Amino acid sequence: MAKMKKTEVKPFKEMLLILRARLRGDVSTLANAALSKSSGGGSGSSSVPSHIADIGSDTFEQDNTILLMNNEGETLSQIEAALERIEEGVYGSCIECSGRIPKMRLKTIPYTPYCVKCASQLESENY
């Protein structure tokens, strides 16, 4: 397994740190939005929607916000794991087969722990 040089890893680390900071901000914004909706702090002055369709819309928005928070939370976990792999000196190596992850893949998904082949295999096993 060929390790990436520190100079090769540096731009990926910077990308991961920026992405982590952005997602942390997004997650707290989403959490605040979900809390304000559930506590009745929406656009209307009363906490009871005036129309049955409003209840459905509010519920959909709240469910969507929670789903986005879960997805972003998972991405944050993957980013943290990628930063740990950088510190351990194994970033850019597939955690499944130890093969090298192509730089183009890392540029697209900098937190991926898998090469294309292993990611495809895992995805097909899950479906």
C-alpha atoms as a PDB file:
ATOM      1  CA  MET A   1       0.000   0.000   0.000  1.00  0.00           C
ATOM      2  CA  ALA A   2       1.535   3.300  -1.113  1.00  0.00           C
ATOM      3  CA  LYS A   3       0.979   6.105   1.371  1.00  0.00           C
ATOM      4  CA  MET A   4       0.128   9.631   0.293  1.00  0.00           C
ATOM      5  CA  LYS A   5       2.776  12.257   0.995  1.00  0.00           C
ATOM      6  CA  LYS A   6       1.999  15.032   3.492  1.00  0.00           C
ATOM      7  CA  THR A   7       2.036  17.548   0.656  1.00  0.00           C
ATOM      8  CA  GLU A   8      -0.564  15.453  -1.192  1.00  0.00           C
ATOM      9  CA  VAL A   9      -2.776  15.171   1.891  1.00  0.00           C
ATOM     10  CA  LYS A  10      -2.688  18.851   2.872  1.00  0.00           C
ATOM     11  CA  PRO A  11      -5.307  20.136   0.355  1.00  0.00           C
ATOM     12  CA  PHE A  12      -7.666  17.297   1.345  1.00  0.00           C
ATOM     13  CA  LYS A  13      -7.265  18.126   5.035  1.00  0.00           C
ATOM     14  CA  GLU A  14      -8.065  21.781   4.326  1.00  0.00           C
ATOM     15  CA  MET A  15     -11.111  20.742   2.275  1.00  0.00           C
ATOM     16  CA  LEU A  16     -12.320  18.480   5.090  1.00  0.00           C
ATOM     17  CA  LEU A  17     -11.861  21.188   7.725  1.00  0.00           C
ATOM     18  CA  ILE A  18     -13.826  23.702   5.648  1.00  0.00           C
ATOM     19  CA  LEU A  19     -16.586  21.176   4.968  1.00  0.00           C
ATOM     20  CA  ARG A  20     -16.736  20.255   8.671  1.00  0.00           C
ATOM     21  CA  ALA A  21     -17.042  23.900   9.693  1.00  0.00           C
ATOM     22  CA  ARG A  22     -19.793  24.507   7.140  1.00  0.00           C
ATOM     23  CA  LEU A  23     -21.764  21.434   8.172  1.00  0.00           C
ATOM     24  CA  ARG A  24     -21.449  22.237  11.866  1.00  0.00           C
ATOM     25  CA  GLY A  25     -22.992  25.621  11.139  1.00  0.00           C
ATOM     26  CA  ASP A  26     -25.696  24.057   8.973  1.00  0.00           C
ATOM     27  CA  VAL A  27     -26.580  21.454  11.601  1.00  0.00           C
ATOM     28  CA  SER A  28     -26.979  24.060  14.330  1.00  0.00           C
ATOM     29  CA  THR A  29     -29.099  26.211  11.994  1.00  0.00           C
ATOM     30  CA  LEU A  30     -31.283  23.211  11.144  1.00  0.00           C
ATOM     31  CA  ALA A  31     -31.593  22.262  14.815  1.00  0.00           C
ATOM     32  CA  ASN A  32     -32.648  25.805  15.713  1.00  0.00           C
ATOM     33  CA  ALA A  33     -35.207  25.808  12.882  1.00  0.00           C
ATOM     34  CA  ALA A  34     -36.651  22.465  13.992  1.00  0.00           C
ATOM     35  CA  LEU A  35     -36.877  23.604  17.600  1.00  0.00           C
ATOM     36  CA  SER A  36     -38.570  26.877  16.716  1.00  0.00           C
ATOM     37  CA  LYS A  37     -41.115  25.041  14.534  1.00  0.00           C
ATOM     38  CA  SER A  38     -41.907  22.489  17.237  1.00  0.00           C
ATOM     39  CA  SER A  39     -42.263  25.154  19.925  1.00  0.00           C
ATOM     40  CA  GLY A  40     -44.774  27.110  17.871  1.00  0.00           C
ATOM     41  CA  GLY A  41     -42.348  29.846  16.935  1.00  0.00           C
ATOM     42  CA  GLY A  42     -43.360  29.746  13.286  1.00  0.00           C
ATOM     43  CA  SER A  43     -44.574  32.618  11.142  1.00  0.00           C
ATOM     44  CA  GLY A  44     -48.052  32.792  12.642  1.00  0.00           C
ATOM     45  CA  SER A  45     -48.792  34.402  15.977  1.00  0.00           C
ATOM     46  CA  SER A  46     -50.766  31.418  17.263  1.00  0.00           C
ATOM     47  CA  SER A  47     -49.287  27.960  17.735  1.00  0.00           C
ATOM     48  CA  VAL A  48     -52.282  26.241  16.114  1.00  0.00           C
ATOM     49  CA  PRO A  49     -52.313  26.254  12.290  1.00  0.00           C
ATOM     50  CA  SER A  50     -55.470  27.792  10.844  1.00  0.00           C
ATOM     51  CA  HIS A  51     -55.939  25.145   8.135  1.00  0.00           C
ATOM     52  CA  ILE A  52     -55.494  21.358   8.018  1.00  0.00           C
ATOM     53  CA  ALA A  53     -53.127  21.705   5.024  1.00  0.00           C
ATOM     54  CA  ASP A  54     -50.853  23.893   7.166  1.00  0.00           C
ATOM     55  CA  ILE A  55     -50.522  21.056   9.668  1.00  0.00           C
ATOM     56  CA  GLY A  56     -49.374  18.708   6.893  1.00  0.00           C
ATOM     57  CA  SER A  57     -46.923  21.280   5.536  1.00  0.00           C
ATOM     58  CA  ASP A  58     -45.492  21.974   8.989  1.00  0.00           C
ATOM     59  CA  THR A  59     -45.097  18.253   9.691  1.00  0.00           C
ATOM     60  CA  PHE A  60     -43.430  17.688   6.303  1.00  0.00           C
ATOM     61  CA  GLU A  61     -40.998  20.566   6.890  1.00  0.00           C
ATOM     62  CA  GLN A  62     -40.151  19.296  10.355  1.00  0.00           C
ATOM     63  CA  ASP A  63     -39.605  15.714   9.117  1.00  0.00           C
ATOM     64  CA  ASN A  64     -37.460  16.992   6.238  1.00  0.00           C
ATOM     65  CA  THR A  65     -35.357  19.099   8.618  1.00  0.00           C
ATOM     66  CA  ILE A  66     -34.782  16.112  10.903  1.00  0.00           C
ATOM     67  CA  LEU A  67     -33.801  13.952   7.912  1.00  0.00           C
ATOM     68  CA  LEU A  68     -31.321  16.592   6.730  1.00  0.00           C
ATOM     69  CA  MET A  69     -29.869  16.839  10.243  1.00  0.00           C
ATOM     70  CA  ASN A  70     -29.380  13.061  10.361  1.00  0.00           C
ATOM     71  CA  ASN A  71     -27.702  13.030   6.935  1.00  0.00           C
ATOM     72  CA  GLU A  72     -25.432  15.933   7.837  1.00  0.00           C
ATOM     73  CA  GLY A  73     -24.652  14.323  11.179  1.00  0.00           C
ATOM     74  CA  GLU A  74     -23.564  11.156   9.377  1.00  0.00           C
ATOM     75  CA  THR A  75     -21.423  13.202   6.981  1.00  0.00           C
ATOM     76  CA  LEU A  76     -19.819  14.984   9.949  1.00  0.00           C
ATOM     77  CA  SER A  77     -18.944  11.591  11.454  1.00  0.00           C
ATOM     78  CA  GLN A  78     -17.367  10.523   8.166  1.00  0.00           C
ATOM     79  CA  ILE A  79     -15.382  13.778   8.002  1.00  0.00           C
ATOM     80  CA  GLU A  80     -14.096  13.244  11.556  1.00  0.00           C
ATOM     81  CA  ALA A  81     -13.056   9.698  10.630  1.00  0.00           C
ATOM     82  CA  ALA A  82     -11.246  10.995   7.528  1.00  0.00           C
ATOM     83  CA  LEU A  83      -9.381  13.571   9.629  1.00  0.00           C
ATOM     84  CA  GLU A  84      -8.347  10.746  11.987  1.00  0.00           C
ATOM     85  CA  ARG A  85      -7.074   8.724   9.014  1.00  0.00           C
ATOM     86  CA  ILE A  86      -4.996  11.753   7.997  1.00  0.00           C
ATOM     87  CA  GLU A  87      -3.469  11.936  11.499  1.00  0.00           C
ATOM     88  CA  GLU A  88      -2.786   8.177  11.417  1.00  0.00           C
ATOM     89  CA  GLY A  89      -1.129   8.474   7.999  1.00  0.00           C
ATOM     90  CA  VAL A  90      -3.563   6.132   6.246  1.00  0.00           C
ATOM     91  CA  TYR A  91      -5.748   8.691   4.452  1.00  0.00           C
ATOM     92  CA  GLY A  92      -6.290   7.765   0.814  1.00  0.00           C
ATOM     93  CA  SER A  93      -6.206   4.030   1.511  1.00  0.00           C
ATOM     94  CA  CYS A  94      -9.397   1.977   1.372  1.00  0.00           C
ATOM     95  CA  ILE A  95     -10.354   0.691   4.827  1.00  0.00           C
ATOM     96  CA  GLU A  96     -11.787  -2.456   3.245  1.00  0.00           C
ATOM     97  CA  CYS A  97      -9.038  -3.659   0.869  1.00  0.00           C
ATOM     98  CA  SER A  98      -6.155  -1.265   1.744  1.00  0.00           C
ATOM     99  CA  GLY A  99      -5.951  -0.262  -1.926  1.00  0.00           C
ATOM    100  CA  ARG A 100      -5.328   3.311  -2.930  1.00  0.00           C
ATOM    101  CA  ILE A 101      -8.366   5.568  -3.368  1.00  0.00           C
ATOM    102  CA  PRO A 102      -7.995   7.600  -6.584  1.00  0.00           C
ATOM    103  CA  LYS A 103      -7.414  11.318  -6.036  1.00  0.00           C
ATOM    104  CA  MET A 104     -10.344  12.185  -8.312  1.00  0.00           C
ATOM    105  CA  ARG A 105     -12.619  10.232  -5.966  1.00  0.00           C
ATOM    106  CA  LEU A 106     -11.128  11.989  -2.939  1.00  0.00           C
ATOM    107  CA  LYS A 107     -11.629  15.370  -4.611  1.00  0.00           C
ATOM    108  CA  THR A 108     -15.304  14.510  -5.113  1.00  0.00           C
ATOM    109  CA  ILE A 109     -15.899  12.811  -1.745  1.00  0.00           C
ATOM    110  CA  PRO A 110     -12.937  13.774   0.466  1.00  0.00           C
ATOM    111  CA  TYR A 111     -14.285  11.823   3.461  1.00  0.00           C
ATOM    112  CA  THR A 112     -14.790   8.519   1.632  1.00  0.00           C
ATOM    113  CA  PRO A 113     -13.104   5.565   3.340  1.00  0.00           C
ATOM    114  CA  TYR A 114     -13.572   3.252   0.340  1.00  0.00           C
ATOM    115  CA  CYS A 115     -12.184   2.786  -3.144  1.00  0.00           C
ATOM    116  CA  VAL A 116     -14.763   2.651  -5.945  1.00  0.00           C
ATOM    117  CA  LYS A 117     -14.760  -1.164  -6.104  1.00  0.00           C
ATOM    118  CA  CYS A 118     -15.358  -1.670  -2.369  1.00  0.00           C
ATOM    119  CA  ALA A 119     -17.944   1.143  -2.210  1.00  0.00           C
ATOM    120  CA  SER A 120     -19.859  -0.494  -5.071  1.00  0.00           C
ATOM    121  CA  GLN A 121     -19.735  -3.885  -3.381  1.00  0.00           C
ATOM    122  CA  LEU A 122     -20.957  -2.476  -0.062  1.00  0.00           C
ATOM    123  CA  GLU A 123     -23.720  -0.522  -1.776  1.00  0.00           C
ATOM    124  CA  SER A 124     -24.965  -3.581  -3.676  1.00  0.00           C
ATOM    125  CA  GLU A 125     -24.952  -5.625  -0.427  1.00  0.00           C
ATOM    126  CA  ASN A 126     -27.126  -2.989   1.262  1.00  0.00           C
ATOM    127  CA  TYR A 127     -29.771  -3.019  -1.491  1.00  0.00           C
END
